[in-house]
Each structure stands twice: as C-alpha cells, then as structure tokens.
C-alpha cells in the first residue's frame, strides 16, 4: 500500500499488517 499526504489514514487502515503492509509496516 503506497501513499501520499495521508500517512496516518494509511496506518490506521493497514492495521498493523492485518489488512495491508505499507512501508512503515
């Protein structure tokens, strides 16, 4: 899951790798 200008929404939606694994995860 890539993103721009919505880091915390991405983090919430990914839910600690349960749904997705963005870069911070």
PDBML (XML) file of the C-alpha atoms, coordinates in Angstrom:
<?xml version="1.0" encoding="UTF-8" ?>
<PDBx:datablock datablockName="MODEL"
   xmlns:PDBx="http://pdbml.pdb.org/schema/pdbx-v50.xsd"
   xmlns:xsi="http://www.w3.org/2001/XMLSchema-instance"
   xsi:schemaLocation="http://pdbml.pdb.org/schema/pdbx-v50.xsd pdbx-v50.xsd">
   <PDBx:atom_siteCategory>
      <PDBx:atom_site id="1">
         <PDBx:B_iso_or_equiv>0.00</PDBx:B_iso_or_equiv>
         <PDBx:Cartn_x>0.000</PDBx:Cartn_x>
         <PDBx:Cartn_y>0.000</PDBx:Cartn_y>
         <PDBx:Cartn_z>0.000</PDBx:Cartn_z>
         <PDBx:auth_asym_id>A</PDBx:auth_asym_id>
         <PDBx:auth_atom_id>CA</PDBx:auth_atom_id>
         <PDBx:auth_comp_id>UNK</PDBx:auth_comp_id>
         <PDBx:auth_seq_id>1</PDBx:auth_seq_id>
         <PDBx:group_PDB>ATOM</PDBx:group_PDB>
         <PDBx:label_alt_id xsi:nil="true" />
         <PDBx:label_asym_id>A</PDBx:label_asym_id>
         <PDBx:label_atom_id>CA</PDBx:label_atom_id>
         <PDBx:label_comp_id>UNK</PDBx:label_comp_id>
         <PDBx:label_entity_id>1</PDBx:label_entity_id>
         <PDBx:label_seq_id>1</PDBx:label_seq_id>
         <PDBx:occupancy>1.00</PDBx:occupancy>
         <PDBx:pdbx_PDB_model_num>1</PDBx:pdbx_PDB_model_num>
         <PDBx:type_symbol>C</PDBx:type_symbol>
      </PDBx:atom_site>
      <PDBx:atom_site id="2">
         <PDBx:B_iso_or_equiv>0.00</PDBx:B_iso_or_equiv>
         <PDBx:Cartn_x>1.675</PDBx:Cartn_x>
         <PDBx:Cartn_y>3.175</PDBx:Cartn_y>
         <PDBx:Cartn_z>-1.272</PDBx:Cartn_z>
         <PDBx:auth_asym_id>A</PDBx:auth_asym_id>
         <PDBx:auth_atom_id>CA</PDBx:auth_atom_id>
         <PDBx:auth_comp_id>UNK</PDBx:auth_comp_id>
         <PDBx:auth_seq_id>2</PDBx:auth_seq_id>
         <PDBx:group_PDB>ATOM</PDBx:group_PDB>
         <PDBx:label_alt_id xsi:nil="true" />
         <PDBx:label_asym_id>A</PDBx:label_asym_id>
         <PDBx:label_atom_id>CA</PDBx:label_atom_id>
         <PDBx:label_comp_id>UNK</PDBx:label_comp_id>
         <PDBx:label_entity_id>1</PDBx:label_entity_id>
         <PDBx:label_seq_id>2</PDBx:label_seq_id>
         <PDBx:occupancy>1.00</PDBx:occupancy>
         <PDBx:pdbx_PDB_model_num>1</PDBx:pdbx_PDB_model_num>
         <PDBx:type_symbol>C</PDBx:type_symbol>
      </PDBx:atom_site>
      <PDBx:atom_site id="3">
         <PDBx:B_iso_or_equiv>0.00</PDBx:B_iso_or_equiv>
         <PDBx:Cartn_x>0.524</PDBx:Cartn_x>
         <PDBx:Cartn_y>6.667</PDBx:Cartn_y>
         <PDBx:Cartn_z>-0.313</PDBx:Cartn_z>
         <PDBx:auth_asym_id>A</PDBx:auth_asym_id>
         <PDBx:auth_atom_id>CA</PDBx:auth_atom_id>
         <PDBx:auth_comp_id>UNK</PDBx:auth_comp_id>
         <PDBx:auth_seq_id>3</PDBx:auth_seq_id>
         <PDBx:group_PDB>ATOM</PDBx:group_PDB>
         <PDBx:label_alt_id xsi:nil="true" />
         <PDBx:label_asym_id>A</PDBx:label_asym_id>
         <PDBx:label_atom_id>CA</PDBx:label_atom_id>
         <PDBx:label_comp_id>UNK</PDBx:label_comp_id>
         <PDBx:label_entity_id>1</PDBx:label_entity_id>
         <PDBx:label_seq_id>3</PDBx:label_seq_id>
         <PDBx:occupancy>1.00</PDBx:occupancy>
         <PDBx:pdbx_PDB_model_num>1</PDBx:pdbx_PDB_model_num>
         <PDBx:type_symbol>C</PDBx:type_symbol>
      </PDBx:atom_site>
      <PDBx:atom_site id="4">
         <PDBx:B_iso_or_equiv>0.00</PDBx:B_iso_or_equiv>
         <PDBx:Cartn_x>0.988</PDBx:Cartn_x>
         <PDBx:Cartn_y>10.411</PDBx:Cartn_y>
         <PDBx:Cartn_z>-0.464</PDBx:Cartn_z>
         <PDBx:auth_asym_id>A</PDBx:auth_asym_id>
         <PDBx:auth_atom_id>CA</PDBx:auth_atom_id>
         <PDBx:auth_comp_id>UNK</PDBx:auth_comp_id>
         <PDBx:auth_seq_id>4</PDBx:auth_seq_id>
         <PDBx:group_PDB>ATOM</PDBx:group_PDB>
         <PDBx:label_alt_id xsi:nil="true" />
         <PDBx:label_asym_id>A</PDBx:label_asym_id>
         <PDBx:label_atom_id>CA</PDBx:label_atom_id>
         <PDBx:label_comp_id>UNK</PDBx:label_comp_id>
         <PDBx:label_entity_id>1</PDBx:label_entity_id>
         <PDBx:label_seq_id>4</PDBx:label_seq_id>
         <PDBx:occupancy>1.00</PDBx:occupancy>
         <PDBx:pdbx_PDB_model_num>1</PDBx:pdbx_PDB_model_num>
         <PDBx:type_symbol>C</PDBx:type_symbol>
      </PDBx:atom_site>
      <PDBx:atom_site id="5">
         <PDBx:B_iso_or_equiv>0.00</PDBx:B_iso_or_equiv>
         <PDBx:Cartn_x>-0.239</PDBx:Cartn_x>
         <PDBx:Cartn_y>13.002</PDBx:Cartn_y>
         <PDBx:Cartn_z>2.074</PDBx:Cartn_z>
         <PDBx:auth_asym_id>A</PDBx:auth_asym_id>
         <PDBx:auth_atom_id>CA</PDBx:auth_atom_id>
         <PDBx:auth_comp_id>UNK</PDBx:auth_comp_id>
         <PDBx:auth_seq_id>5</PDBx:auth_seq_id>
         <PDBx:group_PDB>ATOM</PDBx:group_PDB>
         <PDBx:label_alt_id xsi:nil="true" />
         <PDBx:label_asym_id>A</PDBx:label_asym_id>
         <PDBx:label_atom_id>CA</PDBx:label_atom_id>
         <PDBx:label_comp_id>UNK</PDBx:label_comp_id>
         <PDBx:label_entity_id>1</PDBx:label_entity_id>
         <PDBx:label_seq_id>5</PDBx:label_seq_id>
         <PDBx:occupancy>1.00</PDBx:occupancy>
         <PDBx:pdbx_PDB_model_num>1</PDBx:pdbx_PDB_model_num>
         <PDBx:type_symbol>C</PDBx:type_symbol>
      </PDBx:atom_site>
      <PDBx:atom_site id="6">
         <PDBx:B_iso_or_equiv>0.00</PDBx:B_iso_or_equiv>
         <PDBx:Cartn_x>-2.332</PDBx:Cartn_x>
         <PDBx:Cartn_y>10.646</PDBx:Cartn_y>
         <PDBx:Cartn_z>4.211</PDBx:Cartn_z>
         <PDBx:auth_asym_id>A</PDBx:auth_asym_id>
         <PDBx:auth_atom_id>CA</PDBx:auth_atom_id>
         <PDBx:auth_comp_id>UNK</PDBx:auth_comp_id>
         <PDBx:auth_seq_id>6</PDBx:auth_seq_id>
         <PDBx:group_PDB>ATOM</PDBx:group_PDB>
         <PDBx:label_alt_id xsi:nil="true" />
         <PDBx:label_asym_id>A</PDBx:label_asym_id>
         <PDBx:label_atom_id>CA</PDBx:label_atom_id>
         <PDBx:label_comp_id>UNK</PDBx:label_comp_id>
         <PDBx:label_entity_id>1</PDBx:label_entity_id>
         <PDBx:label_seq_id>6</PDBx:label_seq_id>
         <PDBx:occupancy>1.00</PDBx:occupancy>
         <PDBx:pdbx_PDB_model_num>1</PDBx:pdbx_PDB_model_num>
         <PDBx:type_symbol>C</PDBx:type_symbol>
      </PDBx:atom_site>
      <PDBx:atom_site id="7">
         <PDBx:B_iso_or_equiv>0.00</PDBx:B_iso_or_equiv>
         <PDBx:Cartn_x>0.173</PDBx:Cartn_x>
         <PDBx:Cartn_y>8.707</PDBx:Cartn_y>
         <PDBx:Cartn_z>6.332</PDBx:Cartn_z>
         <PDBx:auth_asym_id>A</PDBx:auth_asym_id>
         <PDBx:auth_atom_id>CA</PDBx:auth_atom_id>
         <PDBx:auth_comp_id>UNK</PDBx:auth_comp_id>
         <PDBx:auth_seq_id>7</PDBx:auth_seq_id>
         <PDBx:group_PDB>ATOM</PDBx:group_PDB>
         <PDBx:label_alt_id xsi:nil="true" />
         <PDBx:label_asym_id>A</PDBx:label_asym_id>
         <PDBx:label_atom_id>CA</PDBx:label_atom_id>
         <PDBx:label_comp_id>UNK</PDBx:label_comp_id>
         <PDBx:label_entity_id>1</PDBx:label_entity_id>
         <PDBx:label_seq_id>7</PDBx:label_seq_id>
         <PDBx:occupancy>1.00</PDBx:occupancy>
         <PDBx:pdbx_PDB_model_num>1</PDBx:pdbx_PDB_model_num>
         <PDBx:type_symbol>C</PDBx:type_symbol>
      </PDBx:atom_site>
      <PDBx:atom_site id="8">
         <PDBx:B_iso_or_equiv>0.00</PDBx:B_iso_or_equiv>
         <PDBx:Cartn_x>-1.975</PDBx:Cartn_x>
         <PDBx:Cartn_y>8.243</PDBx:Cartn_y>
         <PDBx:Cartn_z>9.414</PDBx:Cartn_z>
         <PDBx:auth_asym_id>A</PDBx:auth_asym_id>
         <PDBx:auth_atom_id>CA</PDBx:auth_atom_id>
         <PDBx:auth_comp_id>UNK</PDBx:auth_comp_id>
         <PDBx:auth_seq_id>8</PDBx:auth_seq_id>
         <PDBx:group_PDB>ATOM</PDBx:group_PDB>
         <PDBx:label_alt_id xsi:nil="true" />
         <PDBx:label_asym_id>A</PDBx:label_asym_id>
         <PDBx:label_atom_id>CA</PDBx:label_atom_id>
         <PDBx:label_comp_id>UNK</PDBx:label_comp_id>
         <PDBx:label_entity_id>1</PDBx:label_entity_id>
         <PDBx:label_seq_id>8</PDBx:label_seq_id>
         <PDBx:occupancy>1.00</PDBx:occupancy>
         <PDBx:pdbx_PDB_model_num>1</PDBx:pdbx_PDB_model_num>
         <PDBx:type_symbol>C</PDBx:type_symbol>
      </PDBx:atom_site>
      <PDBx:atom_site id="9">
         <PDBx:B_iso_or_equiv>0.00</PDBx:B_iso_or_equiv>
         <PDBx:Cartn_x>-5.063</PDBx:Cartn_x>
         <PDBx:Cartn_y>7.151</PDBx:Cartn_y>
         <PDBx:Cartn_z>7.468</PDBx:Cartn_z>
         <PDBx:auth_asym_id>A</PDBx:auth_asym_id>
         <PDBx:auth_atom_id>CA</PDBx:auth_atom_id>
         <PDBx:auth_comp_id>UNK</PDBx:auth_comp_id>
         <PDBx:auth_seq_id>9</PDBx:auth_seq_id>
         <PDBx:group_PDB>ATOM</PDBx:group_PDB>
         <PDBx:label_alt_id xsi:nil="true" />
         <PDBx:label_asym_id>A</PDBx:label_asym_id>
         <PDBx:label_atom_id>CA</PDBx:label_atom_id>
         <PDBx:label_comp_id>UNK</PDBx:label_comp_id>
         <PDBx:label_entity_id>1</PDBx:label_entity_id>
         <PDBx:label_seq_id>9</PDBx:label_seq_id>
         <PDBx:occupancy>1.00</PDBx:occupancy>
         <PDBx:pdbx_PDB_model_num>1</PDBx:pdbx_PDB_model_num>
         <PDBx:type_symbol>C</PDBx:type_symbol>
      </PDBx:atom_site>
      <PDBx:atom_site id="10">
         <PDBx:B_iso_or_equiv>0.00</PDBx:B_iso_or_equiv>
         <PDBx:Cartn_x>-2.903</PDBx:Cartn_x>
         <PDBx:Cartn_y>4.541</PDBx:Cartn_y>
         <PDBx:Cartn_z>5.733</PDBx:Cartn_z>
         <PDBx:auth_asym_id>A</PDBx:auth_asym_id>
         <PDBx:auth_atom_id>CA</PDBx:auth_atom_id>
         <PDBx:auth_comp_id>UNK</PDBx:auth_comp_id>
         <PDBx:auth_seq_id>10</PDBx:auth_seq_id>
         <PDBx:group_PDB>ATOM</PDBx:group_PDB>
         <PDBx:label_alt_id xsi:nil="true" />
         <PDBx:label_asym_id>A</PDBx:label_asym_id>
         <PDBx:label_atom_id>CA</PDBx:label_atom_id>
         <PDBx:label_comp_id>UNK</PDBx:label_comp_id>
         <PDBx:label_entity_id>1</PDBx:label_entity_id>
         <PDBx:label_seq_id>10</PDBx:label_seq_id>
         <PDBx:occupancy>1.00</PDBx:occupancy>
         <PDBx:pdbx_PDB_model_num>1</PDBx:pdbx_PDB_model_num>
         <PDBx:type_symbol>C</PDBx:type_symbol>
      </PDBx:atom_site>
      <PDBx:atom_site id="11">
         <PDBx:B_iso_or_equiv>0.00</PDBx:B_iso_or_equiv>
         <PDBx:Cartn_x>-1.505</PDBx:Cartn_x>
         <PDBx:Cartn_y>3.381</PDBx:Cartn_y>
         <PDBx:Cartn_z>9.078</PDBx:Cartn_z>
         <PDBx:auth_asym_id>A</PDBx:auth_asym_id>
         <PDBx:auth_atom_id>CA</PDBx:auth_atom_id>
         <PDBx:auth_comp_id>UNK</PDBx:auth_comp_id>
         <PDBx:auth_seq_id>11</PDBx:auth_seq_id>
         <PDBx:group_PDB>ATOM</PDBx:group_PDB>
         <PDBx:label_alt_id xsi:nil="true" />
         <PDBx:label_asym_id>A</PDBx:label_asym_id>
         <PDBx:label_atom_id>CA</PDBx:label_atom_id>
         <PDBx:label_comp_id>UNK</PDBx:label_comp_id>
         <PDBx:label_entity_id>1</PDBx:label_entity_id>
         <PDBx:label_seq_id>11</PDBx:label_seq_id>
         <PDBx:occupancy>1.00</PDBx:occupancy>
         <PDBx:pdbx_PDB_model_num>1</PDBx:pdbx_PDB_model_num>
         <PDBx:type_symbol>C</PDBx:type_symbol>
      </PDBx:atom_site>
      <PDBx:atom_site id="12">
         <PDBx:B_iso_or_equiv>0.00</PDBx:B_iso_or_equiv>
         <PDBx:Cartn_x>-4.990</PDBx:Cartn_x>
         <PDBx:Cartn_y>3.040</PDBx:Cartn_y>
         <PDBx:Cartn_z>10.566</PDBx:Cartn_z>
         <PDBx:auth_asym_id>A</PDBx:auth_asym_id>
         <PDBx:auth_atom_id>CA</PDBx:auth_atom_id>
         <PDBx:auth_comp_id>UNK</PDBx:auth_comp_id>
         <PDBx:auth_seq_id>12</PDBx:auth_seq_id>
         <PDBx:group_PDB>ATOM</PDBx:group_PDB>
         <PDBx:label_alt_id xsi:nil="true" />
         <PDBx:label_asym_id>A</PDBx:label_asym_id>
         <PDBx:label_atom_id>CA</PDBx:label_atom_id>
         <PDBx:label_comp_id>UNK</PDBx:label_comp_id>
         <PDBx:label_entity_id>1</PDBx:label_entity_id>
         <PDBx:label_seq_id>12</PDBx:label_seq_id>
         <PDBx:occupancy>1.00</PDBx:occupancy>
         <PDBx:pdbx_PDB_model_num>1</PDBx:pdbx_PDB_model_num>
         <PDBx:type_symbol>C</PDBx:type_symbol>
      </PDBx:atom_site>
      <PDBx:atom_site id="13">
         <PDBx:B_iso_or_equiv>0.00</PDBx:B_iso_or_equiv>
         <PDBx:Cartn_x>-6.387</PDBx:Cartn_x>
         <PDBx:Cartn_y>1.187</PDBx:Cartn_y>
         <PDBx:Cartn_z>7.585</PDBx:Cartn_z>
         <PDBx:auth_asym_id>A</PDBx:auth_asym_id>
         <PDBx:auth_atom_id>CA</PDBx:auth_atom_id>
         <PDBx:auth_comp_id>UNK</PDBx:auth_comp_id>
         <PDBx:auth_seq_id>13</PDBx:auth_seq_id>
         <PDBx:group_PDB>ATOM</PDBx:group_PDB>
         <PDBx:label_alt_id xsi:nil="true" />
         <PDBx:label_asym_id>A</PDBx:label_asym_id>
         <PDBx:label_atom_id>CA</PDBx:label_atom_id>
         <PDBx:label_comp_id>UNK</PDBx:label_comp_id>
         <PDBx:label_entity_id>1</PDBx:label_entity_id>
         <PDBx:label_seq_id>13</PDBx:label_seq_id>
         <PDBx:occupancy>1.00</PDBx:occupancy>
         <PDBx:pdbx_PDB_model_num>1</PDBx:pdbx_PDB_model_num>
         <PDBx:type_symbol>C</PDBx:type_symbol>
      </PDBx:atom_site>
      <PDBx:atom_site id="14">
         <PDBx:B_iso_or_equiv>0.00</PDBx:B_iso_or_equiv>
         <PDBx:Cartn_x>-3.427</PDBx:Cartn_x>
         <PDBx:Cartn_y>-1.200</PDBx:Cartn_y>
         <PDBx:Cartn_z>7.318</PDBx:Cartn_z>
         <PDBx:auth_asym_id>A</PDBx:auth_asym_id>
         <PDBx:auth_atom_id>CA</PDBx:auth_atom_id>
         <PDBx:auth_comp_id>UNK</PDBx:auth_comp_id>
         <PDBx:auth_seq_id>14</PDBx:auth_seq_id>
         <PDBx:group_PDB>ATOM</PDBx:group_PDB>
         <PDBx:label_alt_id xsi:nil="true" />
         <PDBx:label_asym_id>A</PDBx:label_asym_id>
         <PDBx:label_atom_id>CA</PDBx:label_atom_id>
         <PDBx:label_comp_id>UNK</PDBx:label_comp_id>
         <PDBx:label_entity_id>1</PDBx:label_entity_id>
         <PDBx:label_seq_id>14</PDBx:label_seq_id>
         <PDBx:occupancy>1.00</PDBx:occupancy>
         <PDBx:pdbx_PDB_model_num>1</PDBx:pdbx_PDB_model_num>
         <PDBx:type_symbol>C</PDBx:type_symbol>
      </PDBx:atom_site>
      <PDBx:atom_site id="15">
         <PDBx:B_iso_or_equiv>0.00</PDBx:B_iso_or_equiv>
         <PDBx:Cartn_x>-3.983</PDBx:Cartn_x>
         <PDBx:Cartn_y>-2.123</PDBx:Cartn_y>
         <PDBx:Cartn_z>10.989</PDBx:Cartn_z>
         <PDBx:auth_asym_id>A</PDBx:auth_asym_id>
         <PDBx:auth_atom_id>CA</PDBx:auth_atom_id>
         <PDBx:auth_comp_id>UNK</PDBx:auth_comp_id>
         <PDBx:auth_seq_id>15</PDBx:auth_seq_id>
         <PDBx:group_PDB>ATOM</PDBx:group_PDB>
         <PDBx:label_alt_id xsi:nil="true" />
         <PDBx:label_asym_id>A</PDBx:label_asym_id>
         <PDBx:label_atom_id>CA</PDBx:label_atom_id>
         <PDBx:label_comp_id>UNK</PDBx:label_comp_id>
         <PDBx:label_entity_id>1</PDBx:label_entity_id>
         <PDBx:label_seq_id>15</PDBx:label_seq_id>
         <PDBx:occupancy>1.00</PDBx:occupancy>
         <PDBx:pdbx_PDB_model_num>1</PDBx:pdbx_PDB_model_num>
         <PDBx:type_symbol>C</PDBx:type_symbol>
      </PDBx:atom_site>
      <PDBx:atom_site id="16">
         <PDBx:B_iso_or_equiv>0.00</PDBx:B_iso_or_equiv>
         <PDBx:Cartn_x>-0.503</PDBx:Cartn_x>
         <PDBx:Cartn_y>-3.343</PDBx:Cartn_y>
         <PDBx:Cartn_z>11.817</PDBx:Cartn_z>
         <PDBx:auth_asym_id>A</PDBx:auth_asym_id>
         <PDBx:auth_atom_id>CA</PDBx:auth_atom_id>
         <PDBx:auth_comp_id>UNK</PDBx:auth_comp_id>
         <PDBx:auth_seq_id>16</PDBx:auth_seq_id>
         <PDBx:group_PDB>ATOM</PDBx:group_PDB>
         <PDBx:label_alt_id xsi:nil="true" />
         <PDBx:label_asym_id>A</PDBx:label_asym_id>
         <PDBx:label_atom_id>CA</PDBx:label_atom_id>
         <PDBx:label_comp_id>UNK</PDBx:label_comp_id>
         <PDBx:label_entity_id>1</PDBx:label_entity_id>
         <PDBx:label_seq_id>16</PDBx:label_seq_id>
         <PDBx:occupancy>1.00</PDBx:occupancy>
         <PDBx:pdbx_PDB_model_num>1</PDBx:pdbx_PDB_model_num>
         <PDBx:type_symbol>C</PDBx:type_symbol>
      </PDBx:atom_site>
      <PDBx:atom_site id="17">
         <PDBx:B_iso_or_equiv>0.00</PDBx:B_iso_or_equiv>
         <PDBx:Cartn_x>-0.214</PDBx:Cartn_x>
         <PDBx:Cartn_y>-5.557</PDBx:Cartn_y>
         <PDBx:Cartn_z>8.688</PDBx:Cartn_z>
         <PDBx:auth_asym_id>A</PDBx:auth_asym_id>
         <PDBx:auth_atom_id>CA</PDBx:auth_atom_id>
         <PDBx:auth_comp_id>UNK</PDBx:auth_comp_id>
         <PDBx:auth_seq_id>17</PDBx:auth_seq_id>
         <PDBx:group_PDB>ATOM</PDBx:group_PDB>
         <PDBx:label_alt_id xsi:nil="true" />
         <PDBx:label_asym_id>A</PDBx:label_asym_id>
         <PDBx:label_atom_id>CA</PDBx:label_atom_id>
         <PDBx:label_comp_id>UNK</PDBx:label_comp_id>
         <PDBx:label_entity_id>1</PDBx:label_entity_id>
         <PDBx:label_seq_id>17</PDBx:label_seq_id>
         <PDBx:occupancy>1.00</PDBx:occupancy>
         <PDBx:pdbx_PDB_model_num>1</PDBx:pdbx_PDB_model_num>
         <PDBx:type_symbol>C</PDBx:type_symbol>
      </PDBx:atom_site>
      <PDBx:atom_site id="18">
         <PDBx:B_iso_or_equiv>0.00</PDBx:B_iso_or_equiv>
         <PDBx:Cartn_x>-3.607</PDBx:Cartn_x>
         <PDBx:Cartn_y>-7.219</PDBx:Cartn_y>
         <PDBx:Cartn_z>9.205</PDBx:Cartn_z>
         <PDBx:auth_asym_id>A</PDBx:auth_asym_id>
         <PDBx:auth_atom_id>CA</PDBx:auth_atom_id>
         <PDBx:auth_comp_id>UNK</PDBx:auth_comp_id>
         <PDBx:auth_seq_id>18</PDBx:auth_seq_id>
         <PDBx:group_PDB>ATOM</PDBx:group_PDB>
         <PDBx:label_alt_id xsi:nil="true" />
         <PDBx:label_asym_id>A</PDBx:label_asym_id>
         <PDBx:label_atom_id>CA</PDBx:label_atom_id>
         <PDBx:label_comp_id>UNK</PDBx:label_comp_id>
         <PDBx:label_entity_id>1</PDBx:label_entity_id>
         <PDBx:label_seq_id>18</PDBx:label_seq_id>
         <PDBx:occupancy>1.00</PDBx:occupancy>
         <PDBx:pdbx_PDB_model_num>1</PDBx:pdbx_PDB_model_num>
         <PDBx:type_symbol>C</PDBx:type_symbol>
      </PDBx:atom_site>
      <PDBx:atom_site id="19">
         <PDBx:B_iso_or_equiv>0.00</PDBx:B_iso_or_equiv>
         <PDBx:Cartn_x>-5.081</PDBx:Cartn_x>
         <PDBx:Cartn_y>-5.670</PDBx:Cartn_y>
         <PDBx:Cartn_z>6.039</PDBx:Cartn_z>
         <PDBx:auth_asym_id>A</PDBx:auth_asym_id>
         <PDBx:auth_atom_id>CA</PDBx:auth_atom_id>
         <PDBx:auth_comp_id>UNK</PDBx:auth_comp_id>
         <PDBx:auth_seq_id>19</PDBx:auth_seq_id>
         <PDBx:group_PDB>ATOM</PDBx:group_PDB>
         <PDBx:label_alt_id xsi:nil="true" />
         <PDBx:label_asym_id>A</PDBx:label_asym_id>
         <PDBx:label_atom_id>CA</PDBx:label_atom_id>
         <PDBx:label_comp_id>UNK</PDBx:label_comp_id>
         <PDBx:label_entity_id>1</PDBx:label_entity_id>
         <PDBx:label_seq_id>19</PDBx:label_seq_id>
         <PDBx:occupancy>1.00</PDBx:occupancy>
         <PDBx:pdbx_PDB_model_num>1</PDBx:pdbx_PDB_model_num>
         <PDBx:type_symbol>C</PDBx:type_symbol>
      </PDBx:atom_site>
      <PDBx:atom_site id="20">
         <PDBx:B_iso_or_equiv>0.00</PDBx:B_iso_or_equiv>
         <PDBx:Cartn_x>-2.055</PDBx:Cartn_x>
         <PDBx:Cartn_y>-4.282</PDBx:Cartn_y>
         <PDBx:Cartn_z>4.223</PDBx:Cartn_z>
         <PDBx:auth_asym_id>A</PDBx:auth_asym_id>
         <PDBx:auth_atom_id>CA</PDBx:auth_atom_id>
         <PDBx:auth_comp_id>UNK</PDBx:auth_comp_id>
         <PDBx:auth_seq_id>20</PDBx:auth_seq_id>
         <PDBx:group_PDB>ATOM</PDBx:group_PDB>
         <PDBx:label_alt_id xsi:nil="true" />
         <PDBx:label_asym_id>A</PDBx:label_asym_id>
         <PDBx:label_atom_id>CA</PDBx:label_atom_id>
         <PDBx:label_comp_id>UNK</PDBx:label_comp_id>
         <PDBx:label_entity_id>1</PDBx:label_entity_id>
         <PDBx:label_seq_id>20</PDBx:label_seq_id>
         <PDBx:occupancy>1.00</PDBx:occupancy>
         <PDBx:pdbx_PDB_model_num>1</PDBx:pdbx_PDB_model_num>
         <PDBx:type_symbol>C</PDBx:type_symbol>
      </PDBx:atom_site>
      <PDBx:atom_site id="21">
         <PDBx:B_iso_or_equiv>0.00</PDBx:B_iso_or_equiv>
         <PDBx:Cartn_x>1.675</PDBx:Cartn_x>
         <PDBx:Cartn_y>-3.830</PDBx:Cartn_y>
         <PDBx:Cartn_z>4.687</PDBx:Cartn_z>
         <PDBx:auth_asym_id>A</PDBx:auth_asym_id>
         <PDBx:auth_atom_id>CA</PDBx:auth_atom_id>
         <PDBx:auth_comp_id>UNK</PDBx:auth_comp_id>
         <PDBx:auth_seq_id>21</PDBx:auth_seq_id>
         <PDBx:group_PDB>ATOM</PDBx:group_PDB>
         <PDBx:label_alt_id xsi:nil="true" />
         <PDBx:label_asym_id>A</PDBx:label_asym_id>
         <PDBx:label_atom_id>CA</PDBx:label_atom_id>
         <PDBx:label_comp_id>UNK</PDBx:label_comp_id>
         <PDBx:label_entity_id>1</PDBx:label_entity_id>
         <PDBx:label_seq_id>21</PDBx:label_seq_id>
         <PDBx:occupancy>1.00</PDBx:occupancy>
         <PDBx:pdbx_PDB_model_num>1</PDBx:pdbx_PDB_model_num>
         <PDBx:type_symbol>C</PDBx:type_symbol>
      </PDBx:atom_site>
      <PDBx:atom_site id="22">
         <PDBx:B_iso_or_equiv>0.00</PDBx:B_iso_or_equiv>
         <PDBx:Cartn_x>2.673</PDBx:Cartn_x>
         <PDBx:Cartn_y>-0.242</PDBx:Cartn_y>
         <PDBx:Cartn_z>3.842</PDBx:Cartn_z>
         <PDBx:auth_asym_id>A</PDBx:auth_asym_id>
         <PDBx:auth_atom_id>CA</PDBx:auth_atom_id>
         <PDBx:auth_comp_id>UNK</PDBx:auth_comp_id>
         <PDBx:auth_seq_id>22</PDBx:auth_seq_id>
         <PDBx:group_PDB>ATOM</PDBx:group_PDB>
         <PDBx:label_alt_id xsi:nil="true" />
         <PDBx:label_asym_id>A</PDBx:label_asym_id>
         <PDBx:label_atom_id>CA</PDBx:label_atom_id>
         <PDBx:label_comp_id>UNK</PDBx:label_comp_id>
         <PDBx:label_entity_id>1</PDBx:label_entity_id>
         <PDBx:label_seq_id>22</PDBx:label_seq_id>
         <PDBx:occupancy>1.00</PDBx:occupancy>
         <PDBx:pdbx_PDB_model_num>1</PDBx:pdbx_PDB_model_num>
         <PDBx:type_symbol>C</PDBx:type_symbol>
      </PDBx:atom_site>
      <PDBx:atom_site id="23">
         <PDBx:B_iso_or_equiv>0.00</PDBx:B_iso_or_equiv>
         <PDBx:Cartn_x>6.300</PDBx:Cartn_x>
         <PDBx:Cartn_y>0.831</PDBx:Cartn_y>
         <PDBx:Cartn_z>4.070</PDBx:Cartn_z>
         <PDBx:auth_asym_id>A</PDBx:auth_asym_id>
         <PDBx:auth_atom_id>CA</PDBx:auth_atom_id>
         <PDBx:auth_comp_id>UNK</PDBx:auth_comp_id>
         <PDBx:auth_seq_id>23</PDBx:auth_seq_id>
         <PDBx:group_PDB>ATOM</PDBx:group_PDB>
         <PDBx:label_alt_id xsi:nil="true" />
         <PDBx:label_asym_id>A</PDBx:label_asym_id>
         <PDBx:label_atom_id>CA</PDBx:label_atom_id>
         <PDBx:label_comp_id>UNK</PDBx:label_comp_id>
         <PDBx:label_entity_id>1</PDBx:label_entity_id>
         <PDBx:label_seq_id>23</PDBx:label_seq_id>
         <PDBx:occupancy>1.00</PDBx:occupancy>
         <PDBx:pdbx_PDB_model_num>1</PDBx:pdbx_PDB_model_num>
         <PDBx:type_symbol>C</PDBx:type_symbol>
      </PDBx:atom_site>
      <PDBx:atom_site id="24">
         <PDBx:B_iso_or_equiv>0.00</PDBx:B_iso_or_equiv>
         <PDBx:Cartn_x>6.138</PDBx:Cartn_x>
         <PDBx:Cartn_y>1.712</PDBx:Cartn_y>
         <PDBx:Cartn_z>7.764</PDBx:Cartn_z>
         <PDBx:auth_asym_id>A</PDBx:auth_asym_id>
         <PDBx:auth_atom_id>CA</PDBx:auth_atom_id>
         <PDBx:auth_comp_id>UNK</PDBx:auth_comp_id>
         <PDBx:auth_seq_id>24</PDBx:auth_seq_id>
         <PDBx:group_PDB>ATOM</PDBx:group_PDB>
         <PDBx:label_alt_id xsi:nil="true" />
         <PDBx:label_asym_id>A</PDBx:label_asym_id>
         <PDBx:label_atom_id>CA</PDBx:label_atom_id>
         <PDBx:label_comp_id>UNK</PDBx:label_comp_id>
         <PDBx:label_entity_id>1</PDBx:label_entity_id>
         <PDBx:label_seq_id>24</PDBx:label_seq_id>
         <PDBx:occupancy>1.00</PDBx:occupancy>
         <PDBx:pdbx_PDB_model_num>1</PDBx:pdbx_PDB_model_num>
         <PDBx:type_symbol>C</PDBx:type_symbol>
      </PDBx:atom_site>
      <PDBx:atom_site id="25">
         <PDBx:B_iso_or_equiv>0.00</PDBx:B_iso_or_equiv>
         <PDBx:Cartn_x>4.922</PDBx:Cartn_x>
         <PDBx:Cartn_y>-1.836</PDBx:Cartn_y>
         <PDBx:Cartn_z>8.477</PDBx:Cartn_z>
         <PDBx:auth_asym_id>A</PDBx:auth_asym_id>
         <PDBx:auth_atom_id>CA</PDBx:auth_atom_id>
         <PDBx:auth_comp_id>UNK</PDBx:auth_comp_id>
         <PDBx:auth_seq_id>25</PDBx:auth_seq_id>
         <PDBx:group_PDB>ATOM</PDBx:group_PDB>
         <PDBx:label_alt_id xsi:nil="true" />
         <PDBx:label_asym_id>A</PDBx:label_asym_id>
         <PDBx:label_atom_id>CA</PDBx:label_atom_id>
         <PDBx:label_comp_id>UNK</PDBx:label_comp_id>
         <PDBx:label_entity_id>1</PDBx:label_entity_id>
         <PDBx:label_seq_id>25</PDBx:label_seq_id>
         <PDBx:occupancy>1.00</PDBx:occupancy>
         <PDBx:pdbx_PDB_model_num>1</PDBx:pdbx_PDB_model_num>
         <PDBx:type_symbol>C</PDBx:type_symbol>
      </PDBx:atom_site>
   </PDBx:atom_siteCategory>
</PDBx:datablock>
